[in-house]
Amino acid sequence: MLADAIAAERFRLSRDRASLFWGFAFAPLITMAFSIAMDMFARAVLHRTIPGETTDLANRAMGAVAGASGPFTALFLLIGAAAIFAGDYRWETWRLITPRNSRVNLLAAKLIVFAEVAAWSLLLTALTAVVAGLFGAMANHARLVGPPAGPAFISQYAGVALVTWLEVLLVGALGALIGVVTRSTMGAVIAGLVVVFVQSTLAATMQAATWKSLLIPAFAGRVLKTFVISPPEARTDAGQAGLALVFLLAWLVVLAGGAVALFRRQDLTKE
């Protein structure tokens, strides 16, 4: 029954092209367009190139993926999450769907589909960063170079992508919980953005990695990414990184589990 719910949710989201675009494609595309525009502006103003300039496409892609969990991207991810998790409240279609499957399966399917689309969005983020980097290299006659880490870059990129994906899943689970509580797409976006902005601001003020600071998802993600991209001989804080991972997973379980638990007890006679 869960497989049926996932297939149905995939089909419904595929038909909602506006939510797909604004929630999962707009941020990478507008970031690419802005980067290209800045390169064109700089080239038009300076009328010259910087001798010896190089472009590292691999690290550019990794940097774009690492930043894909920030407040700007989170705003659009929350739009997508609100459409997935709170759209049925808006259109009052829950009473038509719930008799056909269990509530746990229905909400679990939404969480799984969000995770899938979020992964594709991160891939698009990396690709658009590479495209923007190629355009900048051509406009500035920069030489393409490989990552300084060499073959180790693959594991670094995979680690950063997984941590960012986990952070994005937290945004989706937050949107699911708020969407279930408020029964509103706008409420899920606005309240979710406030939470993301506050915890991102708090993370920016943190310096020392203590268990209290690691409870802030943005700070825990930063610690994990720093650990992943550091050379093996420089990784002296494995315990902190492990604790950060545990806290991120715990937040995911709490938010997603809370959404499912509340949804199971919710009165849907009007939705």
C-alpha atoms as a PDB file:
ATOM      1  CA  MET A   1       0.000   0.000   0.000  1.00  0.00           C
ATOM      2  CA  LEU A   2       2.906   2.347   0.636  1.00  0.00           C
ATOM      3  CA  ALA A   3       4.163   1.763  -2.919  1.00  0.00           C
ATOM      4  CA  ASP A   4       0.732   2.748  -4.256  1.00  0.00           C
ATOM      5  CA  ALA A   5       0.740   5.903  -2.146  1.00  0.00           C
ATOM      6  CA  ILE A   6       4.226   6.839  -3.391  1.00  0.00           C
ATOM      7  CA  ALA A   7       3.247   6.273  -7.029  1.00  0.00           C
ATOM      8  CA  ALA A   8       0.125   8.383  -6.591  1.00  0.00           C
ATOM      9  CA  GLU A   9       2.053  11.182  -4.888  1.00  0.00           C
ATOM     10  CA  ARG A  10       4.672  11.198  -7.643  1.00  0.00           C
ATOM     11  CA  PHE A  11       1.944  11.484 -10.263  1.00  0.00           C
ATOM     12  CA  ARG A  12       0.184  14.304  -8.428  1.00  0.00           C
ATOM     13  CA  LEU A  13       3.400  16.276  -8.000  1.00  0.00           C
ATOM     14  CA  SER A  14       4.363  15.750 -11.641  1.00  0.00           C
ATOM     15  CA  ARG A  15       1.099  17.432 -12.620  1.00  0.00           C
ATOM     16  CA  ASP A  16       1.745  20.373 -10.293  1.00  0.00           C
ATOM     17  CA  ARG A  17       4.405  22.000 -12.458  1.00  0.00           C
ATOM     18  CA  ALA A  18       4.213  25.367 -10.711  1.00  0.00           C
ATOM     19  CA  SER A  19       5.119  23.849  -7.325  1.00  0.00           C
ATOM     20  CA  LEU A  20       7.872  21.762  -8.898  1.00  0.00           C
ATOM     21  CA  PHE A  21       9.405  24.811 -10.571  1.00  0.00           C
ATOM     22  CA  TRP A  22       9.154  27.289  -7.708  1.00  0.00           C
ATOM     23  CA  GLY A  23       9.935  24.791  -4.996  1.00  0.00           C
ATOM     24  CA  PHE A  24      12.809  22.835  -6.473  1.00  0.00           C
ATOM     25  CA  ALA A  25      14.106  24.436  -9.695  1.00  0.00           C
ATOM     26  CA  PHE A  26      13.823  28.192  -9.318  1.00  0.00           C
ATOM     27  CA  ALA A  27      16.585  28.720  -6.737  1.00  0.00           C
ATOM     28  CA  PRO A  28      19.306  26.872  -8.721  1.00  0.00           C
ATOM     29  CA  LEU A  29      18.249  28.511 -11.982  1.00  0.00           C
ATOM     30  CA  ILE A  30      18.093  32.064 -10.629  1.00  0.00           C
ATOM     31  CA  THR A  31      21.461  31.593  -8.923  1.00  0.00           C
ATOM     32  CA  MET A  32      22.955  30.504 -12.261  1.00  0.00           C
ATOM     33  CA  ALA A  33      21.351  33.446 -14.064  1.00  0.00           C
ATOM     34  CA  PHE A  34      22.666  35.892 -11.472  1.00  0.00           C
ATOM     35  CA  SER A  35      26.185  34.454 -11.716  1.00  0.00           C
ATOM     36  CA  ILE A  36      26.154  34.712 -15.500  1.00  0.00           C
ATOM     37  CA  ALA A  37      24.794  38.260 -15.345  1.00  0.00           C
ATOM     38  CA  MET A  38      27.558  39.296 -12.939  1.00  0.00           C
ATOM     39  CA  ASP A  39      30.214  37.820 -15.227  1.00  0.00           C
ATOM     40  CA  MET A  40      28.733  39.678 -18.204  1.00  0.00           C
ATOM     41  CA  PHE A  41      28.566  42.928 -16.233  1.00  0.00           C
ATOM     42  CA  ALA A  42      32.160  42.613 -15.008  1.00  0.00           C
ATOM     43  CA  ARG A  43      33.375  41.839 -18.524  1.00  0.00           C
ATOM     44  CA  ALA A  44      31.492  44.816 -19.964  1.00  0.00           C
ATOM     45  CA  VAL A  45      32.779  47.216 -17.304  1.00  0.00           C
ATOM     46  CA  LEU A  46      36.390  46.076 -17.042  1.00  0.00           C
ATOM     47  CA  HIS A  47      36.885  45.363 -20.765  1.00  0.00           C
ATOM     48  CA  ARG A  48      39.754  43.084 -19.842  1.00  0.00           C
ATOM     49  CA  THR A  49      40.500  39.747 -18.180  1.00  0.00           C
ATOM     50  CA  ILE A  50      42.653  38.875 -15.190  1.00  0.00           C
ATOM     51  CA  PRO A  51      45.867  37.158 -16.341  1.00  0.00           C
ATOM     52  CA  GLY A  52      46.326  33.669 -14.964  1.00  0.00           C
ATOM     53  CA  GLU A  53      42.785  33.368 -13.635  1.00  0.00           C
ATOM     54  CA  THR A  54      41.593  29.797 -13.132  1.00  0.00           C
ATOM     55  CA  THR A  55      38.195  28.146 -12.612  1.00  0.00           C
ATOM     56  CA  ASP A  56      37.673  25.024 -10.516  1.00  0.00           C
ATOM     57  CA  LEU A  57      34.332  23.645 -11.689  1.00  0.00           C
ATOM     58  CA  ALA A  58      34.359  20.741  -9.236  1.00  0.00           C
ATOM     59  CA  ASN A  59      34.734  22.868  -6.129  1.00  0.00           C
ATOM     60  CA  ARG A  60      32.306  25.391  -7.563  1.00  0.00           C
ATOM     61  CA  ALA A  61      29.674  22.660  -7.803  1.00  0.00           C
ATOM     62  CA  MET A  62      30.443  21.431  -4.285  1.00  0.00           C
ATOM     63  CA  GLY A  63      30.212  24.961  -2.908  1.00  0.00           C
ATOM     64  CA  ALA A  64      26.837  25.477  -4.551  1.00  0.00           C
ATOM     65  CA  VAL A  65      25.510  22.226  -3.101  1.00  0.00           C
ATOM     66  CA  ALA A  66      26.904  23.057   0.343  1.00  0.00           C
ATOM     67  CA  GLY A  67      25.010  26.356   0.335  1.00  0.00           C
ATOM     68  CA  ALA A  68      21.744  24.846  -0.884  1.00  0.00           C
ATOM     69  CA  SER A  69      20.347  24.573   2.646  1.00  0.00           C
ATOM     70  CA  GLY A  70      20.527  28.291   3.445  1.00  0.00           C
ATOM     71  CA  PRO A  71      17.531  30.559   4.127  1.00  0.00           C
ATOM     72  CA  PHE A  72      17.214  31.723   0.498  1.00  0.00           C
ATOM     73  CA  THR A  73      16.897  28.194  -0.862  1.00  0.00           C
ATOM     74  CA  ALA A  74      14.845  27.120   2.161  1.00  0.00           C
ATOM     75  CA  LEU A  75      12.161  29.650   1.228  1.00  0.00           C
ATOM     76  CA  PHE A  76      11.527  27.915  -2.079  1.00  0.00           C
ATOM     77  CA  LEU A  77      11.901  24.446  -0.580  1.00  0.00           C
ATOM     78  CA  LEU A  78       9.180  25.394   1.901  1.00  0.00           C
ATOM     79  CA  ILE A  79       6.959  26.423  -1.011  1.00  0.00           C
ATOM     80  CA  GLY A  80       7.410  22.958  -2.473  1.00  0.00           C
ATOM     81  CA  ALA A  81       6.941  21.301   0.913  1.00  0.00           C
ATOM     82  CA  ALA A  82       3.765  23.302   1.565  1.00  0.00           C
ATOM     83  CA  ALA A  83       2.308  22.196  -1.764  1.00  0.00           C
ATOM     84  CA  ILE A  84       3.088  18.553  -0.981  1.00  0.00           C
ATOM     85  CA  PHE A  85       2.090  18.400   2.679  1.00  0.00           C
ATOM     86  CA  ALA A  86      -0.588  21.093   3.007  1.00  0.00           C
ATOM     87  CA  GLY A  87      -2.077  21.167  -0.484  1.00  0.00           C
ATOM     88  CA  ASP A  88      -4.753  18.624   0.421  1.00  0.00           C
ATOM     89  CA  TYR A  89      -6.009  20.892   3.194  1.00  0.00           C
ATOM     90  CA  ARG A  90      -6.283  23.782   0.756  1.00  0.00           C
ATOM     91  CA  TRP A  91      -8.185  21.786  -1.871  1.00  0.00           C
ATOM     92  CA  GLU A  92     -10.134  19.765   0.733  1.00  0.00           C
ATOM     93  CA  THR A  93      -9.167  16.441  -0.821  1.00  0.00           C
ATOM     94  CA  TRP A  94      -8.082  14.529   2.286  1.00  0.00           C
ATOM     95  CA  ARG A  95     -11.545  13.035   2.794  1.00  0.00           C
ATOM     96  CA  LEU A  96     -11.332  11.594  -0.715  1.00  0.00           C
ATOM     97  CA  ILE A  97      -7.862  10.094  -0.220  1.00  0.00           C
ATOM     98  CA  THR A  98      -7.813   8.770   3.350  1.00  0.00           C
ATOM     99  CA  PRO A  99     -10.404   5.990   2.769  1.00  0.00           C
ATOM    100  CA  ARG A 100      -8.094   4.470   0.136  1.00  0.00           C
ATOM    101  CA  ASN A 101      -4.944   4.091   2.252  1.00  0.00           C
ATOM    102  CA  SER A 102      -3.702   4.432   5.804  1.00  0.00           C
ATOM    103  CA  ARG A 103      -2.757   7.870   7.068  1.00  0.00           C
ATOM    104  CA  VAL A 104       0.747   6.724   7.924  1.00  0.00           C
ATOM    105  CA  ASN A 105       1.294   5.516   4.365  1.00  0.00           C
ATOM    106  CA  LEU A 106      -0.126   8.718   2.885  1.00  0.00           C
ATOM    107  CA  LEU A 107       2.126  11.046   4.858  1.00  0.00           C
ATOM    108  CA  ALA A 108       5.145   8.718   4.571  1.00  0.00           C
ATOM    109  CA  ALA A 109       4.679   8.761   0.787  1.00  0.00           C
ATOM    110  CA  LYS A 110       4.753  12.549   0.793  1.00  0.00           C
ATOM    111  CA  LEU A 111       7.963  12.545   2.847  1.00  0.00           C
ATOM    112  CA  ILE A 112       9.598  10.039   0.485  1.00  0.00           C
ATOM    113  CA  VAL A 113       8.571  11.959  -2.637  1.00  0.00           C
ATOM    114  CA  PHE A 114       9.870  15.193  -1.114  1.00  0.00           C
ATOM    115  CA  ALA A 115      13.202  13.464  -0.419  1.00  0.00           C
ATOM    116  CA  GLU A 116      13.386  12.269  -4.027  1.00  0.00           C
ATOM    117  CA  VAL A 117      12.624  15.658  -5.538  1.00  0.00           C
ATOM    118  CA  ALA A 118      15.040  17.346  -3.122  1.00  0.00           C
ATOM    119  CA  ALA A 119      17.821  15.039  -4.343  1.00  0.00           C
ATOM    120  CA  TRP A 120      17.077  16.003  -7.956  1.00  0.00           C
ATOM    121  CA  SER A 121      17.095  19.661  -6.923  1.00  0.00           C
ATOM    122  CA  LEU A 122      20.587  19.275  -5.448  1.00  0.00           C
ATOM    123  CA  LEU A 123      21.741  17.649  -8.680  1.00  0.00           C
ATOM    124  CA  LEU A 124      20.307  20.595 -10.620  1.00  0.00           C
ATOM    125  CA  THR A 125      22.133  22.932  -8.241  1.00  0.00           C
ATOM    126  CA  ALA A 126      25.459  21.271  -9.047  1.00  0.00           C
ATOM    127  CA  LEU A 127      24.787  21.282 -12.801  1.00  0.00           C
ATOM    128  CA  THR A 128      23.778  24.950 -12.898  1.00  0.00           C
ATOM    129  CA  ALA A 129      26.899  25.846 -10.915  1.00  0.00           C
ATOM    130  CA  VAL A 130      29.028  24.036 -13.501  1.00  0.00           C
ATOM    131  CA  VAL A 131      27.228  25.798 -16.374  1.00  0.00           C
ATOM    132  CA  ALA A 132      27.718  29.188 -14.721  1.00  0.00           C
ATOM    133  CA  GLY A 133      31.367  28.336 -14.090  1.00  0.00           C
ATOM    134  CA  LEU A 134      31.904  27.377 -17.727  1.00  0.00           C
ATOM    135  CA  PHE A 135      30.314  30.620 -18.893  1.00  0.00           C
ATOM    136  CA  GLY A 136      32.487  32.626 -16.503  1.00  0.00           C
ATOM    137  CA  ALA A 137      35.604  30.781 -17.661  1.00  0.00           C
ATOM    138  CA  MET A 138      34.829  31.540 -21.311  1.00  0.00           C
ATOM    139  CA  ALA A 139      33.926  35.175 -20.619  1.00  0.00           C
ATOM    140  CA  ASN A 140      37.097  35.782 -18.613  1.00  0.00           C
ATOM    141  CA  HIS A 141      39.356  33.447 -20.625  1.00  0.00           C
ATOM    142  CA  ALA A 142      40.103  31.555 -17.427  1.00  0.00           C
ATOM    143  CA  ARG A 143      41.884  28.222 -17.424  1.00  0.00           C
ATOM    144  CA  LEU A 144      39.971  25.215 -16.110  1.00  0.00           C
ATOM    145  CA  VAL A 145      41.722  23.343 -13.306  1.00  0.00           C
ATOM    146  CA  GLY A 146      40.941  20.235 -11.281  1.00  0.00           C
ATOM    147  CA  PRO A 147      40.188  20.191  -7.555  1.00  0.00           C
ATOM    148  CA  PRO A 148      43.254  20.384  -5.273  1.00  0.00           C
ATOM    149  CA  ALA A 149      42.042  17.298  -3.395  1.00  0.00           C
ATOM    150  CA  GLY A 150      42.427  15.125  -6.498  1.00  0.00           C
ATOM    151  CA  PRO A 151      40.646  11.746  -6.386  1.00  0.00           C
ATOM    152  CA  ALA A 152      39.605  12.429  -2.775  1.00  0.00           C
ATOM    153  CA  PHE A 153      37.236  15.076  -4.091  1.00  0.00           C
ATOM    154  CA  ILE A 154      34.652  12.422  -4.989  1.00  0.00           C
ATOM    155  CA  SER A 155      34.238  11.343  -1.367  1.00  0.00           C
ATOM    156  CA  GLN A 156      34.267  14.970  -0.225  1.00  0.00           C
ATOM    157  CA  TYR A 157      31.524  15.902  -2.677  1.00  0.00           C
ATOM    158  CA  ALA A 158      29.450  12.845  -1.755  1.00  0.00           C
ATOM    159  CA  GLY A 159      29.747  13.697   1.954  1.00  0.00           C
ATOM    160  CA  VAL A 160      28.789  17.346   1.454  1.00  0.00           C
ATOM    161  CA  ALA A 161      25.863  16.375  -0.784  1.00  0.00           C
ATOM    162  CA  LEU A 162      24.545  13.864   1.764  1.00  0.00           C
ATOM    163  CA  VAL A 163      24.794  16.346   4.648  1.00  0.00           C
ATOM    164  CA  THR A 164      23.049  19.051   2.613  1.00  0.00           C
ATOM    165  CA  TRP A 165      20.363  16.561   1.563  1.00  0.00           C
ATOM    166  CA  LEU A 166      19.800  15.729   5.224  1.00  0.00           C
ATOM    167  CA  GLU A 167      19.460  19.443   6.021  1.00  0.00           C
ATOM    168  CA  VAL A 168      16.985  19.841   3.166  1.00  0.00           C
ATOM    169  CA  LEU A 169      14.990  16.885   4.499  1.00  0.00           C
ATOM    170  CA  LEU A 170      14.784  18.726   7.817  1.00  0.00           C
ATOM    171  CA  VAL A 171      13.266  21.696   5.988  1.00  0.00           C
ATOM    172  CA  GLY A 172      10.740  19.369   4.365  1.00  0.00           C
ATOM    173  CA  ALA A 173       9.903  17.650   7.670  1.00  0.00           C
ATOM    174  CA  LEU A 174       9.492  21.063   9.302  1.00  0.00           C
ATOM    175  CA  GLY A 175       7.120  22.073   6.510  1.00  0.00           C
ATOM    176  CA  ALA A 176       5.204  18.821   6.997  1.00  0.00           C
ATOM    177  CA  LEU A 177       4.799  19.350  10.745  1.00  0.00           C
ATOM    178  CA  ILE A 178       3.732  22.986  10.440  1.00  0.00           C
ATOM    179  CA  GLY A 179       1.478  22.158   7.484  1.00  0.00           C
ATOM    180  CA  VAL A 180      -0.331  19.497   9.513  1.00  0.00           C
ATOM    181  CA  VAL A 181      -0.663  21.782  12.551  1.00  0.00           C
ATOM    182  CA  THR A 182      -1.828  24.888  10.671  1.00  0.00           C
ATOM    183  CA  ARG A 183      -3.649  23.106   7.811  1.00  0.00           C
ATOM    184  CA  SER A 184      -2.405  25.962   5.646  1.00  0.00           C
ATOM    185  CA  THR A 185       0.119  26.229   2.828  1.00  0.00           C
ATOM    186  CA  MET A 186       0.854  29.864   3.691  1.00  0.00           C
ATOM    187  CA  GLY A 187       1.300  28.998   7.348  1.00  0.00           C
ATOM    188  CA  ALA A 188       3.779  26.254   6.483  1.00  0.00           C
ATOM    189  CA  VAL A 189       5.847  28.664   4.371  1.00  0.00           C
ATOM    190  CA  ILE A 190       5.840  31.670   6.703  1.00  0.00           C
ATOM    191  CA  ALA A 191       6.275  29.838  10.014  1.00  0.00           C
ATOM    192  CA  GLY A 192       8.839  27.486   8.483  1.00  0.00           C
ATOM    193  CA  LEU A 193      10.860  30.386   7.083  1.00  0.00           C
ATOM    194  CA  VAL A 194      10.882  32.108  10.476  1.00  0.00           C
ATOM    195  CA  VAL A 195      12.245  28.954  12.126  1.00  0.00           C
ATOM    196  CA  VAL A 196      14.901  28.493   9.417  1.00  0.00           C
ATOM    197  CA  PHE A 197      15.971  32.148   9.590  1.00  0.00           C
ATOM    198  CA  VAL A 198      16.229  32.142  13.396  1.00  0.00           C
ATOM    199  CA  GLN A 199      18.259  28.943  13.596  1.00  0.00           C
ATOM    200  CA  SER A 200      20.522  30.074  10.725  1.00  0.00           C
ATOM    201  CA  THR A 201      21.133  33.389  12.512  1.00  0.00           C
ATOM    202  CA  LEU A 202      21.930  31.593  15.755  1.00  0.00           C
ATOM    203  CA  ALA A 203      24.300  29.230  13.920  1.00  0.00           C
ATOM    204  CA  ALA A 204      26.170  32.196  12.430  1.00  0.00           C
ATOM    205  CA  THR A 205      26.915  33.514  15.925  1.00  0.00           C
ATOM    206  CA  MET A 206      28.223  30.190  17.249  1.00  0.00           C
ATOM    207  CA  GLN A 207      31.939  29.530  17.402  1.00  0.00           C
ATOM    208  CA  ALA A 208      32.641  26.639  19.771  1.00  0.00           C
ATOM    209  CA  ALA A 209      31.165  23.230  18.938  1.00  0.00           C
ATOM    210  CA  THR A 210      29.425  22.181  22.153  1.00  0.00           C
ATOM    211  CA  TRP A 211      26.498  19.803  22.500  1.00  0.00           C
ATOM    212  CA  LYS A 212      24.208  22.820  22.917  1.00  0.00           C
ATOM    213  CA  SER A 213      25.400  24.541  19.746  1.00  0.00           C
ATOM    214  CA  LEU A 214      25.237  21.260  17.827  1.00  0.00           C
ATOM    215  CA  LEU A 215      21.530  21.101  18.604  1.00  0.00           C
ATOM    216  CA  ILE A 216      21.115  23.912  16.053  1.00  0.00           C
ATOM    217  CA  PRO A 217      20.731  22.099  12.693  1.00  0.00           C
ATOM    218  CA  ALA A 218      22.501  24.771  10.628  1.00  0.00           C
ATOM    219  CA  PHE A 219      25.530  24.720  12.932  1.00  0.00           C
ATOM    220  CA  ALA A 220      25.593  20.913  13.055  1.00  0.00           C
ATOM    221  CA  GLY A 221      25.500  20.820   9.262  1.00  0.00           C
ATOM    222  CA  ARG A 222      28.376  23.292   9.070  1.00  0.00           C
ATOM    223  CA  VAL A 223      30.475  21.194  11.455  1.00  0.00           C
ATOM    224  CA  LEU A 224      29.783  18.054   9.432  1.00  0.00           C
ATOM    225  CA  LYS A 225      30.655  19.697   6.106  1.00  0.00           C
ATOM    226  CA  THR A 226      33.864  21.105   7.519  1.00  0.00           C
ATOM    227  CA  PHE A 227      34.807  17.659   8.779  1.00  0.00           C
ATOM    228  CA  VAL A 228      34.036  16.026   5.412  1.00  0.00           C
ATOM    229  CA  ILE A 229      36.098  18.419   3.292  1.00  0.00           C
ATOM    230  CA  SER A 230      39.067  18.473   5.679  1.00  0.00           C
ATOM    231  CA  PRO A 231      42.101  16.314   4.830  1.00  0.00           C
ATOM    232  CA  PRO A 232      42.266  13.070   6.857  1.00  0.00           C
ATOM    233  CA  GLU A 233      45.247  14.305   8.874  1.00  0.00           C
ATOM    234  CA  ALA A 234      43.293  17.440   9.878  1.00  0.00           C
ATOM    235  CA  ARG A 235      40.189  15.625  11.110  1.00  0.00           C
ATOM    236  CA  THR A 236      40.670  15.939  14.841  1.00  0.00           C
ATOM    237  CA  ASP A 237      37.018  16.504  15.754  1.00  0.00           C
ATOM    238  CA  ALA A 238      35.446  13.184  14.754  1.00  0.00           C
ATOM    239  CA  GLY A 239      33.475  13.064  17.988  1.00  0.00           C
ATOM    240  CA  GLN A 240      31.879  16.436  17.337  1.00  0.00           C
ATOM    241  CA  ALA A 241      31.039  15.454  13.764  1.00  0.00           C
ATOM    242  CA  GLY A 242      29.472  12.208  14.954  1.00  0.00           C
ATOM    243  CA  LEU A 243      27.384  14.045  17.534  1.00  0.00           C
ATOM    244  CA  ALA A 244      26.302  16.569  14.892  1.00  0.00           C
ATOM    245  CA  LEU A 245      25.118  13.730  12.651  1.00  0.00           C
ATOM    246  CA  VAL A 246      23.202  12.127  15.522  1.00  0.00           C
ATOM    247  CA  PHE A 247      21.453  15.421  16.312  1.00  0.00           C
ATOM    248  CA  LEU A 248      20.510  16.012  12.667  1.00  0.00           C
ATOM    249  CA  LEU A 249      19.028  12.525  12.395  1.00  0.00           C
ATOM    250  CA  ALA A 250      17.236  13.003  15.716  1.00  0.00           C
ATOM    251  CA  TRP A 251      15.682  16.255  14.495  1.00  0.00           C
ATOM    252  CA  LEU A 252      14.517  14.491  11.339  1.00  0.00           C
ATOM    253  CA  VAL A 253      12.884  11.701  13.332  1.00  0.00           C
ATOM    254  CA  VAL A 254      11.237  14.158  15.735  1.00  0.00           C
ATOM    255  CA  LEU A 255       9.845  16.439  13.021  1.00  0.00           C
ATOM    256  CA  ALA A 256       8.716  13.702  10.638  1.00  0.00           C
ATOM    257  CA  GLY A 257       7.452  11.497  13.456  1.00  0.00           C
ATOM    258  CA  GLY A 258       5.599  14.421  14.998  1.00  0.00           C
ATOM    259  CA  ALA A 259       3.890  15.193  11.701  1.00  0.00           C
ATOM    260  CA  VAL A 260       2.802  11.569  11.284  1.00  0.00           C
ATOM    261  CA  ALA A 261       1.608  11.280  14.890  1.00  0.00           C
ATOM    262  CA  LEU A 262      -0.480  14.458  14.683  1.00  0.00           C
ATOM    263  CA  PHE A 263      -1.868  13.542  11.280  1.00  0.00           C
ATOM    264  CA  ARG A 264      -3.054  10.142  12.543  1.00  0.00           C
ATOM    265  CA  ARG A 265      -5.198  11.831  15.214  1.00  0.00           C
ATOM    266  CA  GLN A 266      -6.454  14.721  13.094  1.00  0.00           C
ATOM    267  CA  ASP A 267     -10.118  15.278  12.313  1.00  0.00           C
ATOM    268  CA  LEU A 268     -10.440  15.520   8.519  1.00  0.00           C
ATOM    269  CA  THR A 269     -14.213  15.679   8.170  1.00  0.00           C
ATOM    270  CA  LYS A 270     -13.983  19.126   6.525  1.00  0.00           C
ATOM    271  CA  GLU A 271     -10.872  18.439   4.456  1.00  0.00           C
END
